[in-house]
Amino acid sequence: MRQDIIHDPAKISWILNQCNILHLGLTNDHGAYVVPVHYGFTQQNDGSFVLYIHGTGDGEKAAALDSGKAIGFEVDHGHENLVYTPPSPTEFNPSFMSVIGNGLPERITDSQKKANALKAIIHHYVTKSPVAIIPDEVKDINVWQIKVSNITARVSSPTKSWQQALHLNQPLNRGKHYDENGGLLYDDFADQPVDNDSEDSDASTGASTTKD
């Protein structure tokens, strides 16, 4: 069994909060496919998770969600921190965190539960809801909950801030740190950091601080 798989619900919750797009693994008569969606989630008293999504009610996604079959899901974040350890050309690793799992989807029909689910989705992206969510006004919106059956997380090549937040024992990758455009941010083995006039990077690791 891999030693870097995370099962701790608190750590999984933190990673879910960092990510923005949920990828649903669905199937139909044509085969398996993946759909990206916005999402929200809640954590139950027993540590289990419920995910919330919304969308049109008459497409293939809706049909797959209403089929009663278990679905898979995945979220990820953090690829902007790229680390290269010369001289090997294969030692080029993006930092990332991810969560994968599966669960049973269920369409929400109760207006109050639907309003609560939509609030969870909105609050995943903004601290304060820009509008009031009134149950009677959202009764025609299509919303599903996914009761999670299995869920795990993984962090690869963690940045310093991730290590601190998740209390990880994984060592930091040392080498040349690049941004997503290939620009050199920092060389761990150089005497001085490279000044790229970026206000959105962590000078110690080259990691973006947009979400961390």
C-alpha atoms as a PDB file:
ATOM      1  CA  MET A   1       0.000   0.000   0.000  1.00  0.00           C
ATOM      2  CA  ARG A   2       1.262   3.473  -0.862  1.00  0.00           C
ATOM      3  CA  GLN A   3       2.557   5.390   2.137  1.00  0.00           C
ATOM      4  CA  ASP A   4       1.585   8.837   0.829  1.00  0.00           C
ATOM      5  CA  ILE A   5      -2.182   8.255   0.628  1.00  0.00           C
ATOM      6  CA  ILE A   6      -4.128  10.539   2.990  1.00  0.00           C
ATOM      7  CA  HIS A   7      -7.190   9.188   4.818  1.00  0.00           C
ATOM      8  CA  ASP A   8      -7.535  11.863   7.514  1.00  0.00           C
ATOM      9  CA  PRO A   9     -10.914  13.644   6.967  1.00  0.00           C
ATOM     10  CA  ALA A  10      -9.562  16.966   8.283  1.00  0.00           C
ATOM     11  CA  LYS A  11      -6.715  16.950   5.756  1.00  0.00           C
ATOM     12  CA  ILE A  12      -9.024  15.859   2.950  1.00  0.00           C
ATOM     13  CA  SER A  13     -11.380  18.721   3.836  1.00  0.00           C
ATOM     14  CA  TRP A  14      -8.498  21.211   3.639  1.00  0.00           C
ATOM     15  CA  ILE A  15      -7.500  19.929   0.191  1.00  0.00           C
ATOM     16  CA  LEU A  16     -11.113  20.026  -1.043  1.00  0.00           C
ATOM     17  CA  ASN A  17     -11.191  23.675   0.002  1.00  0.00           C
ATOM     18  CA  GLN A  18      -8.126  24.479  -2.131  1.00  0.00           C
ATOM     19  CA  CYS A  19      -9.563  23.020  -5.340  1.00  0.00           C
ATOM     20  CA  ASN A  20     -12.053  24.664  -7.688  1.00  0.00           C
ATOM     21  CA  ILE A  21     -13.269  22.092 -10.219  1.00  0.00           C
ATOM     22  CA  LEU A  22     -14.754  18.665  -9.535  1.00  0.00           C
ATOM     23  CA  HIS A  23     -14.366  16.060 -12.288  1.00  0.00           C
ATOM     24  CA  LEU A  24     -17.217  13.558 -12.353  1.00  0.00           C
ATOM     25  CA  GLY A  25     -16.512  10.087 -13.703  1.00  0.00           C
ATOM     26  CA  LEU A  26     -19.741   8.994 -15.389  1.00  0.00           C
ATOM     27  CA  THR A  27     -20.883   6.209 -17.727  1.00  0.00           C
ATOM     28  CA  ASN A  28     -23.627   5.804 -20.306  1.00  0.00           C
ATOM     29  CA  ASP A  29     -24.357   3.538 -23.276  1.00  0.00           C
ATOM     30  CA  HIS A  30     -21.409   5.084 -25.154  1.00  0.00           C
ATOM     31  CA  GLY A  31     -18.874   4.331 -22.410  1.00  0.00           C
ATOM     32  CA  ALA A  32     -17.092   6.237 -19.650  1.00  0.00           C
ATOM     33  CA  TYR A  33     -16.513   9.986 -19.724  1.00  0.00           C
ATOM     34  CA  VAL A  34     -15.524  12.872 -17.442  1.00  0.00           C
ATOM     35  CA  VAL A  35     -17.478  16.075 -16.781  1.00  0.00           C
ATOM     36  CA  PRO A  36     -15.968  19.134 -14.973  1.00  0.00           C
ATOM     37  CA  VAL A  37     -18.354  20.970 -12.633  1.00  0.00           C
ATOM     38  CA  HIS A  38     -18.364  23.524  -9.841  1.00  0.00           C
ATOM     39  CA  TYR A  39     -19.042  22.046  -6.432  1.00  0.00           C
ATOM     40  CA  GLY A  40     -19.535  22.520  -2.747  1.00  0.00           C
ATOM     41  CA  PHE A  41     -19.328  20.088   0.131  1.00  0.00           C
ATOM     42  CA  THR A  42     -20.157  19.497   3.747  1.00  0.00           C
ATOM     43  CA  GLN A  43     -18.522  17.229   6.288  1.00  0.00           C
ATOM     44  CA  GLN A  44     -20.796  15.189   8.519  1.00  0.00           C
ATOM     45  CA  ASN A  45     -20.349  14.544  12.238  1.00  0.00           C
ATOM     46  CA  ASP A  46     -18.867  11.108  11.507  1.00  0.00           C
ATOM     47  CA  GLY A  47     -16.241  12.627   9.215  1.00  0.00           C
ATOM     48  CA  SER A  48     -17.926  11.532   5.980  1.00  0.00           C
ATOM     49  CA  PHE A  49     -18.463  13.945   3.091  1.00  0.00           C
ATOM     50  CA  VAL A  50     -21.376  15.030   0.939  1.00  0.00           C
ATOM     51  CA  LEU A  51     -20.636  16.819  -2.341  1.00  0.00           C
ATOM     52  CA  TYR A  52     -23.107  19.146  -4.062  1.00  0.00           C
ATOM     53  CA  ILE A  53     -23.387  20.028  -7.752  1.00  0.00           C
ATOM     54  CA  HIS A  54     -25.999  21.618  -9.986  1.00  0.00           C
ATOM     55  CA  GLY A  55     -26.763  21.675 -13.695  1.00  0.00           C
ATOM     56  CA  THR A  56     -29.355  21.149 -16.385  1.00  0.00           C
ATOM     57  CA  GLY A  57     -31.899  18.444 -15.678  1.00  0.00           C
ATOM     58  CA  ASP A  58     -32.266  16.857 -19.098  1.00  0.00           C
ATOM     59  CA  GLY A  59     -28.765  16.084 -20.394  1.00  0.00           C
ATOM     60  CA  GLU A  60     -26.532  13.009 -20.288  1.00  0.00           C
ATOM     61  CA  LYS A  61     -24.980  14.184 -17.034  1.00  0.00           C
ATOM     62  CA  ALA A  62     -28.384  14.369 -15.376  1.00  0.00           C
ATOM     63  CA  ALA A  63     -29.310  10.934 -16.722  1.00  0.00           C
ATOM     64  CA  ALA A  64     -26.108   9.437 -15.324  1.00  0.00           C
ATOM     65  CA  LEU A  65     -26.622  11.100 -11.948  1.00  0.00           C
ATOM     66  CA  ASP A  66     -30.258   9.941 -11.812  1.00  0.00           C
ATOM     67  CA  SER A  67     -29.418   6.343 -12.772  1.00  0.00           C
ATOM     68  CA  GLY A  68     -28.778   5.325  -9.164  1.00  0.00           C
ATOM     69  CA  LYS A  69     -25.323   3.987 -10.043  1.00  0.00           C
ATOM     70  CA  ALA A  70     -22.191   4.912  -8.084  1.00  0.00           C
ATOM     71  CA  ILE A  71     -19.962   7.507  -9.759  1.00  0.00           C
ATOM     72  CA  GLY A  72     -16.327   8.488  -9.391  1.00  0.00           C
ATOM     73  CA  PHE A  73     -14.916  11.968  -8.810  1.00  0.00           C
ATOM     74  CA  GLU A  74     -11.588  13.807  -8.662  1.00  0.00           C
ATOM     75  CA  VAL A  75     -10.316  17.284  -7.786  1.00  0.00           C
ATOM     76  CA  ASP A  76      -6.775  18.653  -7.992  1.00  0.00           C
ATOM     77  CA  HIS A  77      -4.819  21.840  -7.430  1.00  0.00           C
ATOM     78  CA  GLY A  78      -1.338  23.328  -7.330  1.00  0.00           C
ATOM     79  CA  HIS A  79       0.339  22.479 -10.637  1.00  0.00           C
ATOM     80  CA  GLU A  80       1.847  25.954 -10.914  1.00  0.00           C
ATOM     81  CA  ASN A  81       4.915  24.956  -8.867  1.00  0.00           C
ATOM     82  CA  LEU A  82       7.257  22.997 -11.171  1.00  0.00           C
ATOM     83  CA  VAL A  83      10.538  21.666  -9.813  1.00  0.00           C
ATOM     84  CA  TYR A  84      13.445  20.427 -11.941  1.00  0.00           C
ATOM     85  CA  THR A  85      16.413  18.672 -10.372  1.00  0.00           C
ATOM     86  CA  PRO A  86      19.283  18.610 -12.878  1.00  0.00           C
ATOM     87  CA  PRO A  87      21.009  16.941 -14.524  1.00  0.00           C
ATOM     88  CA  SER A  88      18.354  14.260 -15.145  1.00  0.00           C
ATOM     89  CA  PRO A  89      15.740  15.490 -17.680  1.00  0.00           C
ATOM     90  CA  THR A  90      13.160  13.160 -16.133  1.00  0.00           C
ATOM     91  CA  GLU A  91      13.364  14.845 -12.730  1.00  0.00           C
ATOM     92  CA  PHE A  92      10.769  17.484 -13.583  1.00  0.00           C
ATOM     93  CA  ASN A  93       7.858  17.281 -11.185  1.00  0.00           C
ATOM     94  CA  PRO A  94       4.828  19.516 -10.699  1.00  0.00           C
ATOM     95  CA  SER A  95       3.585  19.930  -7.186  1.00  0.00           C
ATOM     96  CA  PHE A  96      -0.044  18.957  -6.854  1.00  0.00           C
ATOM     97  CA  MET A  97      -2.676  17.899  -4.364  1.00  0.00           C
ATOM     98  CA  SER A  98      -5.656  15.768  -5.305  1.00  0.00           C
ATOM     99  CA  VAL A  99      -8.691  13.979  -3.913  1.00  0.00           C
ATOM    100  CA  ILE A 100     -10.354  10.976  -5.521  1.00  0.00           C
ATOM    101  CA  GLY A 101     -13.328   8.896  -4.477  1.00  0.00           C
ATOM    102  CA  ASN A 102     -16.723   7.548  -5.352  1.00  0.00           C
ATOM    103  CA  GLY A 103     -20.240   7.802  -4.046  1.00  0.00           C
ATOM    104  CA  LEU A 104     -23.951   7.624  -4.772  1.00  0.00           C
ATOM    105  CA  PRO A 105     -25.592  10.649  -6.422  1.00  0.00           C
ATOM    106  CA  GLU A 106     -29.125  11.678  -5.535  1.00  0.00           C
ATOM    107  CA  ARG A 107     -31.252  14.490  -6.918  1.00  0.00           C
ATOM    108  CA  ILE A 108     -32.362  16.906  -4.196  1.00  0.00           C
ATOM    109  CA  THR A 109     -36.073  17.697  -4.360  1.00  0.00           C
ATOM    110  CA  ASP A 110     -36.715  19.437  -1.037  1.00  0.00           C
ATOM    111  CA  SER A 111     -36.506  23.217  -1.564  1.00  0.00           C
ATOM    112  CA  GLN A 112     -34.816  23.950   1.768  1.00  0.00           C
ATOM    113  CA  LYS A 113     -32.197  21.216   1.279  1.00  0.00           C
ATOM    114  CA  LYS A 114     -31.681  22.497  -2.264  1.00  0.00           C
ATOM    115  CA  ALA A 115     -31.104  26.030  -0.938  1.00  0.00           C
ATOM    116  CA  ASN A 116     -28.606  24.722   1.614  1.00  0.00           C
ATOM    117  CA  ALA A 117     -26.746  22.805  -1.104  1.00  0.00           C
ATOM    118  CA  LEU A 118     -26.546  25.888  -3.331  1.00  0.00           C
ATOM    119  CA  LYS A 119     -25.221  27.910  -0.382  1.00  0.00           C
ATOM    120  CA  ALA A 120     -22.495  25.283   0.092  1.00  0.00           C
ATOM    121  CA  ILE A 121     -21.543  25.603  -3.583  1.00  0.00           C
ATOM    122  CA  ILE A 122     -21.428  29.407  -3.470  1.00  0.00           C
ATOM    123  CA  HIS A 123     -19.504  29.505  -0.190  1.00  0.00           C
ATOM    124  CA  HIS A 124     -16.882  27.198  -1.660  1.00  0.00           C
ATOM    125  CA  TYR A 125     -15.854  30.096  -3.908  1.00  0.00           C
ATOM    126  CA  VAL A 126     -16.772  33.222  -1.927  1.00  0.00           C
ATOM    127  CA  THR A 127     -16.945  33.901   1.789  1.00  0.00           C
ATOM    128  CA  LYS A 128     -20.189  35.818   1.612  1.00  0.00           C
ATOM    129  CA  SER A 129     -23.075  34.908  -0.661  1.00  0.00           C
ATOM    130  CA  PRO A 130     -23.716  37.757  -3.150  1.00  0.00           C
ATOM    131  CA  VAL A 131     -27.460  37.057  -3.055  1.00  0.00           C
ATOM    132  CA  ALA A 132     -29.934  35.564  -0.611  1.00  0.00           C
ATOM    133  CA  ILE A 133     -30.813  31.951  -1.387  1.00  0.00           C
ATOM    134  CA  ILE A 134     -34.557  31.655  -0.828  1.00  0.00           C
ATOM    135  CA  PRO A 135     -35.985  28.109  -1.023  1.00  0.00           C
ATOM    136  CA  ASP A 136     -39.083  29.059  -3.036  1.00  0.00           C
ATOM    137  CA  GLU A 137     -36.921  30.812  -5.638  1.00  0.00           C
ATOM    138  CA  VAL A 138     -34.613  27.838  -6.294  1.00  0.00           C
ATOM    139  CA  LYS A 139     -37.209  25.068  -6.437  1.00  0.00           C
ATOM    140  CA  ASP A 140     -36.764  24.695 -10.212  1.00  0.00           C
ATOM    141  CA  ILE A 141     -32.953  24.478 -10.119  1.00  0.00           C
ATOM    142  CA  ASN A 142     -31.500  21.000 -10.586  1.00  0.00           C
ATOM    143  CA  VAL A 143     -29.223  20.078  -7.677  1.00  0.00           C
ATOM    144  CA  TRP A 144     -27.647  16.753  -6.715  1.00  0.00           C
ATOM    145  CA  GLN A 145     -25.846  15.512  -3.647  1.00  0.00           C
ATOM    146  CA  ILE A 146     -23.194  12.825  -3.771  1.00  0.00           C
ATOM    147  CA  LYS A 147     -22.922  10.842  -0.570  1.00  0.00           C
ATOM    148  CA  VAL A 148     -19.284   9.840  -0.568  1.00  0.00           C
ATOM    149  CA  SER A 149     -18.553   6.154   0.017  1.00  0.00           C
ATOM    150  CA  ASN A 150     -14.763   6.179  -0.387  1.00  0.00           C
ATOM    151  CA  ILE A 151     -12.389   9.116  -0.456  1.00  0.00           C
ATOM    152  CA  THR A 152      -8.618   9.564  -0.248  1.00  0.00           C
ATOM    153  CA  ALA A 153      -6.154  12.352  -0.972  1.00  0.00           C
ATOM    154  CA  ARG A 154      -2.565  12.619  -2.112  1.00  0.00           C
ATOM    155  CA  VAL A 155       0.039  15.378  -2.144  1.00  0.00           C
ATOM    156  CA  SER A 156       2.995  15.203  -4.512  1.00  0.00           C
ATOM    157  CA  SER A 157       6.108  17.368  -4.170  1.00  0.00           C
ATOM    158  CA  PRO A 158       4.523  19.539  -1.457  1.00  0.00           C
ATOM    159  CA  THR A 159       5.329  23.191  -1.071  1.00  0.00           C
ATOM    160  CA  LYS A 160       6.385  24.503   2.324  1.00  0.00           C
ATOM    161  CA  SER A 161       2.944  25.995   2.997  1.00  0.00           C
ATOM    162  CA  TRP A 162       1.270  22.656   2.210  1.00  0.00           C
ATOM    163  CA  GLN A 163       3.636  20.855   4.561  1.00  0.00           C
ATOM    164  CA  GLN A 164       2.758  23.253   7.352  1.00  0.00           C
ATOM    165  CA  ALA A 165      -1.003  23.138   6.750  1.00  0.00           C
ATOM    166  CA  LEU A 166      -1.188  19.350   6.444  1.00  0.00           C
ATOM    167  CA  HIS A 167       1.619  18.446   8.886  1.00  0.00           C
ATOM    168  CA  LEU A 168       3.322  16.343   6.234  1.00  0.00           C
ATOM    169  CA  ASN A 169       6.560  14.466   6.713  1.00  0.00           C
ATOM    170  CA  GLN A 170       7.288  14.403   2.979  1.00  0.00           C
ATOM    171  CA  PRO A 171      10.531  16.202   2.110  1.00  0.00           C
ATOM    172  CA  LEU A 172      10.423  19.309  -0.039  1.00  0.00           C
ATOM    173  CA  ASN A 173      11.627  18.896  -3.607  1.00  0.00           C
ATOM    174  CA  ARG A 174      14.868  20.773  -4.073  1.00  0.00           C
ATOM    175  CA  GLY A 175      15.957  22.078  -7.436  1.00  0.00           C
ATOM    176  CA  LYS A 176      14.984  24.781  -9.903  1.00  0.00           C
ATOM    177  CA  HIS A 177      11.440  26.079  -9.396  1.00  0.00           C
ATOM    178  CA  TYR A 178       9.486  27.244 -12.450  1.00  0.00           C
ATOM    179  CA  ASP A 179       6.101  28.844 -12.976  1.00  0.00           C
ATOM    180  CA  GLU A 180       3.483  27.463 -15.367  1.00  0.00           C
ATOM    181  CA  ASN A 181       4.976  29.489 -18.242  1.00  0.00           C
ATOM    182  CA  GLY A 182       8.464  28.044 -17.792  1.00  0.00           C
ATOM    183  CA  GLY A 183       9.893  31.096 -16.065  1.00  0.00           C
ATOM    184  CA  LEU A 184      12.519  30.435 -13.396  1.00  0.00           C
ATOM    185  CA  LEU A 185      11.281  31.492  -9.973  1.00  0.00           C
ATOM    186  CA  TYR A 186      13.965  30.203  -7.632  1.00  0.00           C
ATOM    187  CA  ASP A 187      16.982  27.902  -7.610  1.00  0.00           C
ATOM    188  CA  ASP A 188      17.450  26.127  -4.276  1.00  0.00           C
ATOM    189  CA  PHE A 189      21.107  25.587  -5.071  1.00  0.00           C
ATOM    190  CA  ALA A 190      21.877  29.166  -6.061  1.00  0.00           C
ATOM    191  CA  ASP A 191      23.147  31.780  -3.625  1.00  0.00           C
ATOM    192  CA  GLN A 192      20.390  34.289  -4.457  1.00  0.00           C
ATOM    193  CA  PRO A 193      16.759  33.946  -5.605  1.00  0.00           C
ATOM    194  CA  VAL A 194      15.793  35.051  -9.078  1.00  0.00           C
ATOM    195  CA  ASP A 195      13.839  38.337  -9.065  1.00  0.00           C
ATOM    196  CA  ASN A 196      10.954  37.935 -11.478  1.00  0.00           C
ATOM    197  CA  ASP A 197       8.901  40.813  -9.996  1.00  0.00           C
ATOM    198  CA  SER A 198       6.160  38.342  -9.107  1.00  0.00           C
ATOM    199  CA  GLU A 199       3.947  39.250  -6.160  1.00  0.00           C
ATOM    200  CA  ASP A 200       2.138  35.908  -6.250  1.00  0.00           C
ATOM    201  CA  SER A 201       4.947  33.521  -5.445  1.00  0.00           C
ATOM    202  CA  ASP A 202       6.443  32.143  -2.279  1.00  0.00           C
ATOM    203  CA  ALA A 203      10.112  33.152  -2.347  1.00  0.00           C
ATOM    204  CA  SER A 204      11.172  30.099  -0.368  1.00  0.00           C
ATOM    205  CA  THR A 205       9.678  27.541  -2.769  1.00  0.00           C
ATOM    206  CA  GLY A 206       8.503  29.332  -5.882  1.00  0.00           C
ATOM    207  CA  ALA A 207       4.960  28.192  -5.165  1.00  0.00           C
ATOM    208  CA  SER A 208       1.996  30.300  -6.117  1.00  0.00           C
ATOM    209  CA  THR A 209       0.223  31.767  -3.110  1.00  0.00           C
ATOM    210  CA  THR A 210      -3.064  32.362  -4.916  1.00  0.00           C
ATOM    211  CA  LYS A 211      -4.947  29.715  -2.928  1.00  0.00           C
ATOM    212  CA  ASP A 212      -2.506  28.620  -0.229  1.00  0.00           C
END
